[in-house]
């Protein structure tokens, strides 16, 4: 049985001028799941998570 989706994001994108730094990010977070975003540094992680707010 699949639990309901609580958060869904598709096609997230972030640019600085002509430079695309996040492209086509998608995620589904279902009830009871825990999500961890792992990246090379905190700046990349905050940038990816900030696109959804």
Protein backbone atom coordinates (compact mmCIF):
# COMPACT_ATOMS: atom_id res chain seq x y z
CA UNK A 1 0.00 0.00 0.00
CA UNK A 2 1.40 3.37 -1.03
CA UNK A 3 1.20 6.14 1.54
CA UNK A 4 -0.09 9.57 0.44
CA UNK A 5 2.32 12.16 -0.95
CA UNK A 6 2.76 15.06 1.47
CA UNK A 7 5.21 17.16 -0.55
CA UNK A 8 5.70 17.03 -4.30
CA UNK A 9 8.00 19.17 -6.42
CA UNK A 10 8.75 18.86 -10.13
CA UNK A 11 10.95 20.83 -12.48
CA UNK A 12 12.69 22.96 -9.85
CA UNK A 13 15.22 25.28 -11.44
CA UNK A 14 17.49 28.04 -10.17
CA UNK A 15 19.56 30.41 -12.28
CA UNK A 16 21.96 33.25 -11.59
CA UNK A 17 21.90 35.37 -14.72
CA UNK A 18 22.80 33.06 -17.61
CA UNK A 19 24.11 30.28 -15.34
CA UNK A 20 21.75 27.43 -14.38
CA UNK A 21 22.81 25.97 -11.03
CA UNK A 22 19.82 23.69 -10.33
CA UNK A 23 17.98 22.07 -13.23
CA UNK A 24 14.89 19.86 -13.33
CA UNK A 25 14.94 18.62 -9.73
CA UNK A 26 11.94 16.48 -8.75
CA UNK A 27 10.97 14.80 -5.51
CA UNK A 28 8.02 13.20 -3.77
CA UNK A 29 7.96 12.88 0.00
CA UNK A 30 5.41 10.45 1.34
CA UNK A 31 3.94 10.14 4.80
CA UNK A 32 6.45 8.54 7.17
CA UNK A 33 9.49 9.21 4.97
CA UNK A 34 12.60 11.13 5.99
CA UNK A 35 14.53 13.05 3.33
CA UNK A 36 18.23 13.90 3.47
CA UNK A 37 19.82 16.07 0.79
CA UNK A 38 23.52 15.37 0.47
CA UNK A 39 25.80 17.58 -1.57
CA UNK A 40 29.37 18.81 -1.88
CA UNK A 41 28.76 21.75 0.46
CA UNK A 42 26.04 23.46 2.47
CA UNK A 43 25.59 26.20 -0.14
CA UNK A 44 24.45 23.69 -2.79
CA UNK A 45 22.05 22.03 -0.36
CA UNK A 46 20.49 25.32 0.78
CA UNK A 47 20.17 26.45 -2.82
CA UNK A 48 18.34 23.26 -3.81
CA UNK A 49 16.02 23.39 -0.82
CA UNK A 50 15.41 27.14 -1.23
CA UNK A 51 14.02 26.60 -4.72
CA UNK A 52 10.91 25.00 -3.24
CA UNK A 53 9.98 27.82 -0.87
